[in-house]
Structure formats: structure tokens, C-alpha cells
Amino acid sequence: MNPHAVNVQRGVLWGAPPSNHSVVVVGDLHGLAGALKDIIDQTCFTGCTLVFVGDYIDRGCDGDQVLHSIHGLTTNPSAHGYGQVVALRGNHEDMILRARNSSQWLACWQTSGGRTEDWRWLCEHQGWDWLASLPLLYQHPKDILFRGKPHRLVVSHASVNRQYNLEDQKEQDLLWRREVSGYRRDTLCVHGHTPQSGGVPFLRNTPTGPVLLIDTGSVKTGIVTGASFDEVCS
């Protein structure tokens, strides 16, 4: 029996119902294919932009199925009724990529919930290059409406560091950093990586801007959150 298995999986949409003028950011999945299906059922054929923060694999039971679904969505978003689908790389994807060439990283991945089924899927579907090509940061091209005001939307797996321009961010910060700090007051940062208690996203209002943490502890709670934002009408 998988010690990380959950009895009930749910994909919960936070915010307004999506449209072709919306962007939906999805938190850490960790192999919860059922919760991913819920998110897709609520967002497909709306024309929205769908952004995943990473951590598709490990711990949960169906990381291989999640990889298969994410791969299909990113390679042919229009077939599923999306305007665009962006899958970011998380630290668990980083670990499995490094594990191919390092016994130390292999041990780290295995002790972090690594599953042979996920590894096998990458081998059998030529998925390694695709996984390595996933970006680390996403900035939505249009402002979104947040708390009644226009904001830029910046998404990464773990964090952004306000000491650097977005194009100069450090990989370590984007994948692993747990410090919660806003980037700019006119920018909403959305991250996963650090599980939030109670299975609900947490909004942190920092002196340097708002940060929304949407890792809702999928493996323990069975809940994956999708945060929906409307674009500012031009």
C-alpha cells in the first residue's frame, strides 16, 4: 500500500469561472491524476490560459498519468480548448532530471517520494527532453485584475527574488527558495512548493507586494487548487 495515497482527490477552482480572458494557475499535483481531471473538467474549452507551477510527480500514486496528461496539454492545448498551456518545472522535476547522472541526486529523489513508474514513463515516451525544456518562470503578457486593481502576474514554482530582474532570476530561488517575499507592489506572485495548512491557498501581503501560495498539500489533503484570474479589459 502506498503510504502517500489519499482516499479522495479534488481539484478546486479558486476565483471566478474561467473564460478566454482568464488565466488559471494550478498548484502542486504530486501524482494526483483525479484532482488534475477535476481541474481540466472545470477549465477545458473555455479558451483560458492554464499555468502549472510544477511538481507533477513523486509521492502520489499516479505521477505517470499526470505526466501523460500535462505532456498532452502542453503539446496541443487547442485540442483541449485552451488558449495556451504552460507547465513550469518544479523542484521534483529538477531532482529526477539530475538523478539520471548523479547517484547522490538519485538517492535524494528516491527519499523524496520518487516512483519508478514516473521514471519509466519518461523513458518510454521520450519525455526527458520535454521535461528538461520546461521553463522556470511565467509572466502573463496582460495585466490581471486582483483585489479590484490591475496587477502583473508572475508565476514560478517556489519563489522570486526581488533583488534581480525577472530575466535574471536564479534557478535555485525559482525551484527551491522558501522565503516569501513580494516582487513589486503592482505584481502578484503565485507559487507552489510550500504546502499550506487546511487545504486552502494562502495570500501573504508583504511590504513589497502580494504573494499567493497555492500548494494546498495535495498528498495529505487530496486537494489541488487552481486560482483563476480575469485579465484587465483593454
Protein backbone atom coordinates (compact mmCIF):
# COMPACT_ATOMS: atom_id res chain seq x y z
CA MET A 1 0.00 0.00 0.00
CA ASN A 2 1.28 3.43 -0.94
CA PRO A 3 1.72 5.44 2.29
CA HIS A 4 1.09 8.63 0.35
CA ALA A 5 -2.24 7.52 -1.14
CA VAL A 6 -5.31 9.66 -0.40
CA ASN A 7 -8.86 8.37 -0.44
CA VAL A 8 -10.49 11.42 -2.02
CA GLN A 9 -8.98 13.71 -4.66
CA ARG A 10 -10.45 17.08 -5.58
CA GLY A 11 -9.47 19.84 -7.93
CA VAL A 12 -10.83 23.10 -6.52
CA LEU A 13 -11.14 26.28 -8.56
CA TRP A 14 -10.49 29.47 -6.58
CA GLY A 15 -11.84 32.66 -8.13
CA ALA A 16 -14.15 33.47 -11.00
CA PRO A 17 -15.19 30.85 -13.59
CA PRO A 18 -12.60 30.99 -16.38
CA SER A 19 -13.13 32.39 -19.86
CA ASN A 20 -10.96 33.18 -22.86
CA HIS A 21 -9.84 36.30 -20.97
CA SER A 22 -8.68 34.38 -17.90
CA VAL A 23 -5.53 32.71 -16.64
CA VAL A 24 -5.73 29.76 -14.24
CA VAL A 25 -2.68 28.83 -12.14
CA VAL A 26 -2.63 25.25 -10.81
CA GLY A 27 -0.75 24.18 -7.69
CA ASP A 28 1.45 21.15 -6.97
CA LEU A 29 -0.10 17.90 -8.21
CA HIS A 30 2.28 15.21 -6.92
CA GLY A 31 0.67 12.38 -8.83
CA LEU A 32 -2.99 13.17 -8.13
CA ALA A 33 -4.47 12.37 -11.52
CA GLY A 34 -8.03 12.53 -10.21
CA ALA A 35 -7.59 16.07 -8.93
CA LEU A 36 -5.98 17.08 -12.23
CA LYS A 37 -9.01 15.70 -14.09
CA ASP A 38 -11.26 17.85 -11.91
CA ILE A 39 -9.25 20.95 -12.80
CA ILE A 40 -9.35 20.09 -16.50
CA ASP A 41 -13.10 19.44 -16.39
CA GLN A 42 -13.63 22.92 -14.93
CA THR A 43 -11.33 24.78 -17.33
CA CYS A 44 -11.22 22.96 -20.69
CA PHE A 45 -12.90 24.54 -23.73
CA THR A 46 -13.02 27.94 -22.06
CA GLY A 47 -10.11 29.37 -24.05
CA CYS A 48 -8.26 30.33 -20.88
CA THR A 49 -4.53 30.20 -20.30
CA LEU A 50 -3.61 27.32 -17.97
CA VAL A 51 -0.35 27.51 -16.00
CA PHE A 52 1.04 24.70 -13.82
CA VAL A 53 3.56 25.54 -11.09
CA GLY A 54 5.37 22.18 -11.29
CA ASP A 55 5.81 19.12 -9.06
CA TYR A 56 3.78 16.72 -11.18
CA ILE A 57 5.49 13.59 -9.91
CA ASP A 58 6.52 11.71 -6.75
CA ARG A 59 4.62 10.83 -3.57
CA GLY A 60 1.18 10.40 -5.15
CA CYS A 61 0.05 7.23 -6.89
CA ASP A 62 -0.33 8.37 -10.49
CA GLY A 63 2.58 10.60 -11.43
CA ASP A 64 2.95 8.78 -14.73
CA GLN A 65 -0.66 9.58 -15.62
CA VAL A 66 -0.18 13.20 -14.60
CA LEU A 67 2.93 13.44 -16.80
CA HIS A 68 0.99 11.96 -19.71
CA SER A 69 -1.83 14.49 -19.27
CA ILE A 70 0.44 17.51 -18.83
CA HIS A 71 2.50 16.48 -21.86
CA GLY A 72 -0.65 16.24 -23.97
CA LEU A 73 -1.96 19.59 -22.77
CA THR A 74 1.28 21.45 -23.45
CA THR A 75 1.89 19.94 -26.88
CA ASN A 76 -1.66 20.51 -28.17
CA PRO A 77 -3.57 22.98 -25.98
CA SER A 78 -6.16 23.88 -28.61
CA ALA A 79 -7.34 20.26 -28.78
CA HIS A 80 -8.49 20.68 -25.18
CA GLY A 81 -9.96 24.13 -25.70
CA TYR A 82 -7.20 26.20 -24.10
CA GLY A 83 -5.66 29.35 -25.47
CA GLN A 84 -2.30 28.32 -24.02
CA VAL A 85 -0.96 25.75 -21.55
CA VAL A 86 2.30 26.41 -19.70
CA ALA A 87 3.91 23.78 -17.48
CA LEU A 88 6.70 25.07 -15.27
CA ARG A 89 9.42 22.88 -13.84
CA GLY A 90 9.29 22.19 -10.11
CA ASN A 91 12.00 21.01 -7.76
CA HIS A 92 10.81 17.39 -8.04
CA GLU A 93 11.24 17.54 -11.82
CA ASP A 94 14.66 19.06 -11.21
CA MET A 95 15.56 16.18 -8.88
CA ILE A 96 14.58 13.42 -11.29
CA LEU A 97 16.46 15.12 -14.13
CA ARG A 98 19.61 15.37 -12.02
CA ALA A 99 19.16 11.79 -10.81
CA ARG A 100 19.93 10.46 -14.29
CA ASN A 101 23.59 11.40 -13.90
CA SER A 102 24.19 11.51 -10.16
CA SER A 103 23.92 8.78 -7.54
CA GLN A 104 23.54 11.46 -4.86
CA TRP A 105 20.61 13.05 -6.64
CA LEU A 106 19.14 9.61 -7.32
CA ALA A 107 19.16 8.90 -3.59
CA CYS A 108 17.67 12.34 -2.90
CA TRP A 109 14.88 11.76 -5.43
CA GLN A 110 14.12 8.30 -4.05
CA THR A 111 13.87 9.54 -0.46
CA SER A 112 11.63 12.42 -1.62
CA GLY A 113 8.90 10.08 -2.80
CA GLY A 114 10.35 9.10 -6.18
CA ARG A 115 8.39 6.41 -8.02
CA THR A 116 9.74 4.03 -10.64
CA GLU A 117 6.51 4.40 -12.64
CA ASP A 118 7.29 8.08 -13.21
CA TRP A 119 10.82 7.26 -14.33
CA ARG A 120 9.52 4.54 -16.63
CA TRP A 121 7.04 6.92 -18.29
CA LEU A 122 9.81 9.39 -19.10
CA CYS A 123 11.89 6.60 -20.64
CA GLU A 124 9.08 5.03 -22.65
CA HIS A 125 7.65 8.29 -24.01
CA GLN A 126 10.89 10.15 -24.79
CA GLY A 127 9.88 12.51 -22.01
CA TRP A 128 13.28 13.51 -20.67
CA ASP A 129 13.94 16.26 -23.22
CA TRP A 130 10.41 17.59 -22.82
CA LEU A 131 10.77 17.69 -19.03
CA ALA A 132 14.14 19.45 -19.26
CA SER A 133 12.67 22.05 -21.62
CA LEU A 134 10.00 23.22 -19.18
CA PRO A 135 10.51 26.87 -18.19
CA LEU A 136 11.12 28.06 -14.64
CA LEU A 137 9.10 31.28 -14.70
CA TYR A 138 5.99 32.62 -16.39
CA GLN A 139 4.88 36.22 -16.72
CA HIS A 140 1.41 36.74 -18.15
CA PRO A 141 1.53 39.17 -21.08
CA LYS A 142 -1.53 41.11 -19.89
CA ASP A 143 -2.36 42.59 -16.51
CA ILE A 144 -4.84 40.66 -14.39
CA LEU A 145 -7.48 42.01 -12.05
CA PHE A 146 -6.60 41.34 -8.42
CA ARG A 147 -8.47 42.90 -5.50
CA GLY A 148 -10.07 45.30 -7.93
CA LYS A 149 -6.80 46.66 -9.33
CA PRO A 150 -4.54 45.80 -12.29
CA HIS A 151 -1.53 43.66 -11.39
CA ARG A 152 1.19 41.94 -13.32
CA LEU A 153 1.09 38.17 -12.81
CA VAL A 154 4.34 36.29 -12.21
CA VAL A 155 4.39 32.54 -11.57
CA SER A 156 7.22 30.23 -10.52
CA HIS A 157 7.41 27.03 -8.54
CA ALA A 158 8.99 28.28 -5.32
CA SER A 159 9.75 31.99 -5.23
CA VAL A 160 11.15 35.02 -6.99
CA ASN A 161 13.92 37.19 -5.63
CA ARG A 162 13.21 40.91 -5.81
CA GLN A 163 16.95 41.65 -5.88
CA TYR A 164 17.03 40.54 -9.53
CA ASN A 165 15.15 41.42 -12.69
CA LEU A 166 12.77 38.69 -13.81
CA GLU A 167 15.04 37.70 -16.69
CA ASP A 168 17.99 37.38 -14.27
CA GLN A 169 16.34 35.19 -11.61
CA LYS A 170 18.45 32.39 -10.14
CA GLU A 171 17.41 28.78 -10.71
CA GLN A 172 17.94 27.94 -7.04
CA ASP A 173 15.45 30.63 -5.98
CA LEU A 174 12.82 29.70 -8.56
CA LEU A 175 12.92 26.00 -7.70
CA TRP A 176 13.84 25.74 -4.02
CA ARG A 177 13.64 29.03 -2.10
CA ARG A 178 11.01 29.10 0.67
CA GLU A 179 11.29 32.73 1.72
CA VAL A 180 8.03 34.51 0.94
CA SER A 181 8.62 37.99 -0.41
CA GLY A 182 6.73 40.08 -2.93
CA TYR A 183 8.40 41.27 -6.10
CA ARG A 184 6.72 44.62 -6.74
CA ARG A 185 3.63 46.23 -5.26
CA ASP A 186 1.92 46.11 -8.66
CA THR A 187 2.80 42.42 -9.16
CA LEU A 188 1.01 39.33 -7.88
CA CYS A 189 3.41 36.43 -7.42
CA VAL A 190 1.89 32.94 -7.39
CA HIS A 191 3.93 29.99 -6.14
CA GLY A 192 3.58 26.38 -5.02
CA HIS A 193 6.32 24.38 -3.26
CA THR A 194 5.43 25.20 0.35
CA PRO A 195 2.27 23.33 1.48
CA GLN A 196 -0.42 25.44 3.13
CA SER A 197 -2.45 24.11 6.03
CA GLY A 198 -6.15 23.34 5.72
CA GLY A 199 -6.07 22.61 2.00
CA VAL A 200 -6.66 26.25 1.04
CA PRO A 201 -4.37 28.78 -0.68
CA PHE A 202 -2.81 31.49 1.45
CA LEU A 203 -2.43 35.14 0.47
CA ARG A 204 0.57 36.84 2.03
CA ASN A 205 0.54 40.64 1.87
CA THR A 206 4.20 41.59 2.08
CA PRO A 207 5.59 45.15 2.12
CA THR A 208 6.92 44.55 -1.38
CA GLY A 209 3.77 43.08 -2.91
CA PRO A 210 1.21 40.27 -2.65
CA VAL A 211 2.14 36.59 -2.82
CA LEU A 212 -0.40 33.78 -3.30
CA LEU A 213 0.75 30.33 -2.16
CA ILE A 214 -1.28 27.60 -3.86
CA ASP A 215 0.37 24.35 -2.81
CA THR A 216 -2.63 23.08 -0.86
CA GLY A 217 -0.90 19.93 0.38
CA SER A 218 -2.22 17.61 -2.30
CA VAL A 219 -0.67 14.42 -0.97
CA LYS A 220 -2.11 14.88 2.53
CA THR A 221 -5.35 16.72 1.77
CA GLY A 222 -6.22 15.33 -1.66
CA ILE A 223 -6.84 18.91 -2.79
CA VAL A 224 -5.23 20.61 -5.78
CA THR A 225 -6.07 24.28 -6.24
CA GLY A 226 -6.49 26.22 -9.44
CA ALA A 227 -6.50 30.01 -8.96
CA SER A 228 -8.44 31.84 -11.68
CA PHE A 229 -7.81 35.48 -12.60
CA ASP A 230 -9.50 37.67 -15.19
CA GLU A 231 -7.43 39.83 -17.49
CA VAL A 232 -7.91 43.58 -17.31
CA CYS A 233 -10.18 44.64 -20.15
CA SER A 234 -8.37 46.85 -22.63
